[in-house]
Amino acid sequence: MCQSDYGIEMATFWDLLYENRTIDIPFYVELAKKSFHPVLELGCGTGRVLIPIAKEDVSIIGRPFA
């Protein structure tokens, strides 16, 4: 795979597969709250996990792989 294989298209596809999966979100939110800030989420895609963390007033930076 080349770097372009990890673009927004892949992130959108991933979100379609996992759009109804929310059971893991509380785990990541609590982990982020206990971490040093700002939190860096590598490979955040379209923000399925990043957005709920940010809504909890945690300083977070996202970096998609694209």
C-alpha atoms as a PDB file:
ATOM      1  CA  MET A   1       0.000   0.000   0.000  1.00  0.00           C
ATOM      2  CA  CYS A   2       1.145   3.489  -0.677  1.00  0.00           C
ATOM      3  CA  GLN A   3       0.463   6.557   1.431  1.00  0.00           C
ATOM      4  CA  SER A   4      -2.466   7.609  -0.768  1.00  0.00           C
ATOM      5  CA  ASP A   5      -4.301   4.402   0.199  1.00  0.00           C
ATOM      6  CA  TYR A   6      -4.926   5.945   3.626  1.00  0.00           C
ATOM      7  CA  GLY A   7      -6.816   9.041   2.469  1.00  0.00           C
ATOM      8  CA  ILE A   8     -10.198  10.401   3.462  1.00  0.00           C
ATOM      9  CA  GLU A   9     -11.858   7.738   1.319  1.00  0.00           C
ATOM     10  CA  MET A  10     -10.538   5.031   3.632  1.00  0.00           C
ATOM     11  CA  ALA A  11     -11.550   7.010   6.721  1.00  0.00           C
ATOM     12  CA  THR A  12     -15.068   7.432   5.358  1.00  0.00           C
ATOM     13  CA  PHE A  13     -15.275   3.708   4.551  1.00  0.00           C
ATOM     14  CA  TRP A  14     -14.030   2.874   8.037  1.00  0.00           C
ATOM     15  CA  ASP A  15     -16.672   5.107   9.606  1.00  0.00           C
ATOM     16  CA  LEU A  16     -19.388   3.404   7.572  1.00  0.00           C
ATOM     17  CA  LEU A  17     -18.285   0.073   9.017  1.00  0.00           C
ATOM     18  CA  TYR A  18     -18.135   1.393  12.580  1.00  0.00           C
ATOM     19  CA  GLU A  19     -20.736   4.186  12.616  1.00  0.00           C
ATOM     20  CA  ASN A  20     -22.925   2.337  15.119  1.00  0.00           C
ATOM     21  CA  ARG A  21     -20.042   1.266  17.343  1.00  0.00           C
ATOM     22  CA  THR A  22     -20.002   3.511  20.378  1.00  0.00           C
ATOM     23  CA  ILE A  23     -19.217   1.050  23.151  1.00  0.00           C
ATOM     24  CA  ASP A  24     -15.512   1.975  23.012  1.00  0.00           C
ATOM     25  CA  ILE A  25     -16.000   5.760  23.177  1.00  0.00           C
ATOM     26  CA  PRO A  26     -16.307   6.063  27.001  1.00  0.00           C
ATOM     27  CA  PHE A  27     -13.044   4.138  27.403  1.00  0.00           C
ATOM     28  CA  TYR A  28     -11.153   6.539  25.132  1.00  0.00           C
ATOM     29  CA  VAL A  29     -12.778   9.610  26.685  1.00  0.00           C
ATOM     30  CA  GLU A  30     -11.751   8.554  30.203  1.00  0.00           C
ATOM     31  CA  LEU A  31      -8.250   7.657  29.033  1.00  0.00           C
ATOM     32  CA  ALA A  32      -7.887  11.064  27.392  1.00  0.00           C
ATOM     33  CA  LYS A  33      -9.089  12.838  30.546  1.00  0.00           C
ATOM     34  CA  LYS A  34      -6.346  11.100  32.566  1.00  0.00           C
ATOM     35  CA  SER A  35      -3.602  11.816  30.014  1.00  0.00           C
ATOM     36  CA  PHE A  36      -1.270  14.745  29.559  1.00  0.00           C
ATOM     37  CA  HIS A  37      -2.809  17.477  27.437  1.00  0.00           C
ATOM     38  CA  PRO A  38      -3.013  18.125  24.623  1.00  0.00           C
ATOM     39  CA  VAL A  39      -3.813  14.577  23.563  1.00  0.00           C
ATOM     40  CA  LEU A  40      -2.658  13.541  20.086  1.00  0.00           C
ATOM     41  CA  GLU A  41      -4.776  11.056  18.177  1.00  0.00           C
ATOM     42  CA  LEU A  42      -2.874   9.663  15.238  1.00  0.00           C
ATOM     43  CA  GLY A  43      -5.014   8.269  12.460  1.00  0.00           C
ATOM     44  CA  CYS A  44      -8.131  10.067  13.662  1.00  0.00           C
ATOM     45  CA  GLY A  45      -9.852   9.697  10.300  1.00  0.00           C
ATOM     46  CA  THR A  46     -13.129  11.601  10.370  1.00  0.00           C
ATOM     47  CA  GLY A  47     -13.150  11.998  14.155  1.00  0.00           C
ATOM     48  CA  ARG A  48     -15.326   9.124  15.401  1.00  0.00           C
ATOM     49  CA  VAL A  49     -13.333   9.059  18.661  1.00  0.00           C
ATOM     50  CA  LEU A  50     -11.749  12.523  18.565  1.00  0.00           C
ATOM     51  CA  ILE A  51     -15.018  14.487  18.516  1.00  0.00           C
ATOM     52  CA  PRO A  52     -16.516  12.906  21.667  1.00  0.00           C
ATOM     53  CA  ILE A  53     -13.223  13.525  23.479  1.00  0.00           C
ATOM     54  CA  ALA A  54     -13.192  17.181  22.398  1.00  0.00           C
ATOM     55  CA  LYS A  55     -16.810  17.574  23.538  1.00  0.00           C
ATOM     56  CA  GLU A  56     -15.620  16.689  27.046  1.00  0.00           C
ATOM     57  CA  ASP A  57     -13.351  19.781  27.026  1.00  0.00           C
ATOM     58  CA  VAL A  58     -10.192  17.741  26.582  1.00  0.00           C
ATOM     59  CA  SER A  59      -7.568  19.503  24.511  1.00  0.00           C
ATOM     60  CA  ILE A  60      -6.968  17.120  21.589  1.00  0.00           C
ATOM     61  CA  ILE A  61      -5.174  17.297  18.265  1.00  0.00           C
ATOM     62  CA  GLY A  62      -6.005  14.896  15.441  1.00  0.00           C
ATOM     63  CA  ARG A  63      -3.707  13.810  12.663  1.00  0.00           C
ATOM     64  CA  PRO A  64      -5.150  11.641   9.902  1.00  0.00           C
ATOM     65  CA  PHE A  65      -2.686   9.470   8.001  1.00  0.00           C
ATOM     66  CA  ALA A  66      -3.538  11.057   4.655  1.00  0.00           C
END
